[in-house]
Amino acid sequence: MIKLKAVESKGGYRLLLRFSDGTAGVYDFASFVEAATEMTAPLADPAFFARYFIELGALAWPNGFDLSAESLRR
């Protein structure tokens, strides 16, 4: 199972994601912000977006929104 190992901000809604299998890539989360669902609307606030963290190998935010490493890697 692939896990997220490190995250680094690249400005705006872009994050550099590093995975347990050695792969890495920049993911643009603008589409999540634009969707403005109950879970993604808080991401529009840059201060909230910057509060991302890794939880059990997934990317997560304090409001409970999370994305598995496997879905991000695709």
N, C-alpha and C. Protein backbone atom coordinates (compact mmCIF):
# COMPACT_ATOMS: atom_id res chain seq x y z
N MET A 1 0.83 -1.18 0.00
CA MET A 1 0.00 0.00 0.00
C MET A 1 0.89 1.25 0.00
N ILE A 2 0.63 2.14 -0.91
CA ILE A 2 1.39 3.38 -1.03
C ILE A 2 0.88 4.38 0.00
N LYS A 3 1.82 5.07 0.64
CA LYS A 3 1.47 6.10 1.63
C LYS A 3 2.13 7.42 1.26
N LEU A 4 1.52 8.48 1.70
CA LEU A 4 2.09 9.80 1.55
C LEU A 4 3.15 9.98 2.62
N LYS A 5 4.35 10.41 2.22
CA LYS A 5 5.45 10.54 3.16
C LYS A 5 5.80 11.99 3.48
N ALA A 6 5.59 12.92 2.52
CA ALA A 6 5.95 14.32 2.74
C ALA A 6 5.11 15.21 1.85
N VAL A 7 4.86 16.42 2.33
CA VAL A 7 4.08 17.41 1.59
C VAL A 7 4.80 18.75 1.70
N GLU A 8 4.86 19.47 0.58
CA GLU A 8 5.52 20.77 0.55
C GLU A 8 4.69 21.73 -0.30
N SER A 9 4.43 22.90 0.23
CA SER A 9 3.66 23.91 -0.50
C SER A 9 4.46 24.41 -1.70
N LYS A 10 3.76 24.58 -2.81
CA LYS A 10 4.36 25.13 -4.02
C LYS A 10 3.63 26.39 -4.47
N GLY A 11 2.89 27.00 -3.56
CA GLY A 11 2.18 28.24 -3.86
C GLY A 11 0.77 27.98 -4.35
N GLY A 12 -0.10 28.91 -4.06
CA GLY A 12 -1.50 28.76 -4.44
C GLY A 12 -2.08 27.51 -3.80
N TYR A 13 -2.76 26.72 -4.60
CA TYR A 13 -3.34 25.48 -4.11
C TYR A 13 -2.55 24.26 -4.58
N ARG A 14 -1.27 24.47 -4.86
CA ARG A 14 -0.42 23.38 -5.35
C ARG A 14 0.46 22.85 -4.23
N LEU A 15 0.53 21.53 -4.15
CA LEU A 15 1.37 20.87 -3.15
C LEU A 15 2.25 19.83 -3.84
N LEU A 16 3.51 19.77 -3.44
CA LEU A 16 4.41 18.72 -3.88
C LEU A 16 4.20 17.54 -2.94
N LEU A 17 3.81 16.41 -3.49
CA LEU A 17 3.52 15.20 -2.71
C LEU A 17 4.61 14.17 -2.97
N ARG A 18 5.14 13.59 -1.90
CA ARG A 18 6.15 12.54 -2.00
C ARG A 18 5.57 11.26 -1.39
N PHE A 19 5.69 10.17 -2.15
CA PHE A 19 5.06 8.91 -1.77
C PHE A 19 6.08 7.87 -1.32
N SER A 20 5.59 6.86 -0.62
CA SER A 20 6.46 5.81 -0.05
C SER A 20 7.18 4.98 -1.11
N ASP A 21 6.70 4.98 -2.34
CA ASP A 21 7.36 4.20 -3.39
C ASP A 21 8.44 5.02 -4.12
N GLY A 22 8.73 6.23 -3.62
CA GLY A 22 9.77 7.06 -4.20
C GLY A 22 9.29 8.03 -5.26
N THR A 23 8.04 7.94 -5.67
CA THR A 23 7.51 8.87 -6.66
C THR A 23 7.11 10.18 -5.99
N ALA A 24 7.03 11.23 -6.80
CA ALA A 24 6.64 12.55 -6.30
C ALA A 24 6.00 13.33 -7.44
N GLY A 25 5.19 14.28 -7.10
CA GLY A 25 4.57 15.12 -8.11
C GLY A 25 3.83 16.28 -7.48
N VAL A 26 3.59 17.30 -8.28
CA VAL A 26 2.84 18.47 -7.81
C VAL A 26 1.38 18.26 -8.16
N TYR A 27 0.51 18.44 -7.18
CA TYR A 27 -0.93 18.28 -7.35
C TYR A 27 -1.57 19.64 -7.14
N ASP A 28 -2.41 20.04 -8.05
CA ASP A 28 -3.12 21.32 -7.95
C ASP A 28 -4.52 21.05 -7.40
N PHE A 29 -4.81 21.59 -6.24
CA PHE A 29 -6.09 21.37 -5.56
C PHE A 29 -7.14 22.41 -5.92
N ALA A 30 -6.90 23.24 -6.93
CA ALA A 30 -7.85 24.29 -7.32
C ALA A 30 -9.22 23.71 -7.65
N SER A 31 -9.29 22.54 -8.27
CA SER A 31 -10.59 21.97 -8.63
C SER A 31 -11.40 21.61 -7.38
N PHE A 32 -10.73 21.19 -6.32
CA PHE A 32 -11.43 20.92 -5.06
C PHE A 32 -11.98 22.21 -4.46
N VAL A 33 -11.18 23.26 -4.51
CA VAL A 33 -11.60 24.56 -3.97
C VAL A 33 -12.78 25.09 -4.76
N GLU A 34 -12.71 25.00 -6.08
CA GLU A 34 -13.79 25.49 -6.95
C GLU A 34 -15.08 24.70 -6.76
N ALA A 35 -14.98 23.43 -6.40
CA ALA A 35 -16.18 22.61 -6.18
C ALA A 35 -17.00 23.14 -5.01
N ALA A 36 -16.34 23.72 -4.03
CA ALA A 36 -16.98 24.36 -2.88
C ALA A 36 -18.05 23.49 -2.22
N THR A 37 -17.72 22.22 -2.02
CA THR A 37 -18.62 21.33 -1.29
C THR A 37 -18.49 21.63 0.20
N GLU A 38 -19.31 20.99 1.00
CA GLU A 38 -19.25 21.21 2.44
C GLU A 38 -17.84 20.95 2.99
N MET A 39 -17.19 19.93 2.47
CA MET A 39 -15.86 19.56 2.97
C MET A 39 -14.73 20.37 2.33
N THR A 40 -14.91 20.82 1.08
CA THR A 40 -13.81 21.50 0.40
C THR A 40 -13.89 23.02 0.46
N ALA A 41 -15.04 23.58 0.78
CA ALA A 41 -15.18 25.04 0.84
C ALA A 41 -14.17 25.69 1.79
N PRO A 42 -13.87 25.10 2.95
CA PRO A 42 -12.88 25.73 3.84
C PRO A 42 -11.48 25.86 3.22
N LEU A 43 -11.18 25.02 2.22
CA LEU A 43 -9.86 25.06 1.59
C LEU A 43 -9.63 26.37 0.83
N ALA A 44 -10.68 27.10 0.53
CA ALA A 44 -10.55 28.37 -0.20
C ALA A 44 -9.81 29.42 0.63
N ASP A 45 -9.84 29.27 1.94
CA ASP A 45 -9.10 30.18 2.82
C ASP A 45 -7.64 29.73 2.84
N PRO A 46 -6.71 30.53 2.32
CA PRO A 46 -5.31 30.12 2.25
C PRO A 46 -4.74 29.69 3.60
N ALA A 47 -5.15 30.34 4.68
CA ALA A 47 -4.65 29.96 6.01
C ALA A 47 -5.12 28.56 6.39
N PHE A 48 -6.37 28.23 6.04
CA PHE A 48 -6.88 26.89 6.33
C PHE A 48 -6.22 25.87 5.41
N PHE A 49 -6.10 26.18 4.13
CA PHE A 49 -5.46 25.26 3.19
C PHE A 49 -4.07 24.88 3.68
N ALA A 50 -3.35 25.84 4.23
CA ALA A 50 -1.97 25.62 4.69
C ALA A 50 -1.88 24.72 5.92
N ARG A 51 -3.01 24.36 6.49
CA ARG A 51 -3.02 23.51 7.69
C ARG A 51 -3.08 22.02 7.35
N TYR A 52 -2.75 21.65 6.11
CA TYR A 52 -2.71 20.24 5.71
C TYR A 52 -1.73 19.46 6.58
N PHE A 53 -1.96 18.18 6.70
CA PHE A 53 -1.06 17.31 7.43
C PHE A 53 -1.22 15.89 6.91
N ILE A 54 -0.29 15.03 7.26
CA ILE A 54 -0.36 13.63 6.88
C ILE A 54 -0.92 12.84 8.05
N GLU A 55 -1.96 12.03 7.78
CA GLU A 55 -2.55 11.19 8.81
C GLU A 55 -2.70 9.78 8.25
N LEU A 56 -1.99 8.86 8.86
CA LEU A 56 -2.03 7.45 8.43
C LEU A 56 -1.73 7.30 6.94
N GLY A 57 -0.80 8.09 6.44
CA GLY A 57 -0.39 7.99 5.04
C GLY A 57 -1.27 8.72 4.06
N ALA A 58 -2.29 9.44 4.54
CA ALA A 58 -3.21 10.20 3.68
C ALA A 58 -3.02 11.69 3.92
N LEU A 59 -3.42 12.49 2.97
CA LEU A 59 -3.39 13.95 3.12
C LEU A 59 -4.69 14.38 3.78
N ALA A 60 -4.59 15.20 4.82
CA ALA A 60 -5.78 15.57 5.58
C ALA A 60 -5.76 17.04 5.99
N TRP A 61 -6.95 17.53 6.34
CA TRP A 61 -7.13 18.89 6.88
C TRP A 61 -7.92 18.79 8.17
N PRO A 62 -7.87 19.82 9.01
CA PRO A 62 -8.53 19.77 10.33
C PRO A 62 -10.04 19.55 10.30
N ASN A 63 -10.71 19.83 9.19
CA ASN A 63 -12.16 19.66 9.14
C ASN A 63 -12.58 18.21 8.84
N GLY A 64 -11.61 17.30 8.69
CA GLY A 64 -11.91 15.90 8.42
C GLY A 64 -11.82 15.52 6.96
N PHE A 65 -11.58 16.48 6.08
CA PHE A 65 -11.40 16.17 4.65
C PHE A 65 -10.06 15.50 4.47
N ASP A 66 -10.07 14.35 3.81
CA ASP A 66 -8.81 13.66 3.54
C ASP A 66 -8.86 12.97 2.19
N LEU A 67 -7.68 12.70 1.67
CA LEU A 67 -7.53 12.04 0.37
C LEU A 67 -6.45 10.97 0.52
N SER A 68 -6.77 9.77 0.08
CA SER A 68 -5.80 8.68 0.19
C SER A 68 -4.61 8.92 -0.74
N ALA A 69 -3.48 8.36 -0.35
CA ALA A 69 -2.28 8.48 -1.18
C ALA A 69 -2.49 7.85 -2.54
N GLU A 70 -3.21 6.75 -2.59
CA GLU A 70 -3.44 6.07 -3.85
C GLU A 70 -4.26 6.92 -4.81
N SER A 71 -5.26 7.61 -4.30
CA SER A 71 -6.08 8.46 -5.18
C SER A 71 -5.28 9.66 -5.66
N LEU A 72 -4.43 10.20 -4.81
CA LEU A 72 -3.60 11.34 -5.20
C LEU A 72 -2.54 10.94 -6.21
N ARG A 73 -2.00 9.76 -6.07
CA ARG A 73 -0.94 9.30 -6.96
C ARG A 73 -1.45 9.05 -8.38
N ARG A 74 -2.72 8.66 -8.51
CA ARG A 74 -3.30 8.43 -9.84
C ARG A 74 -3.28 9.71 -10.61
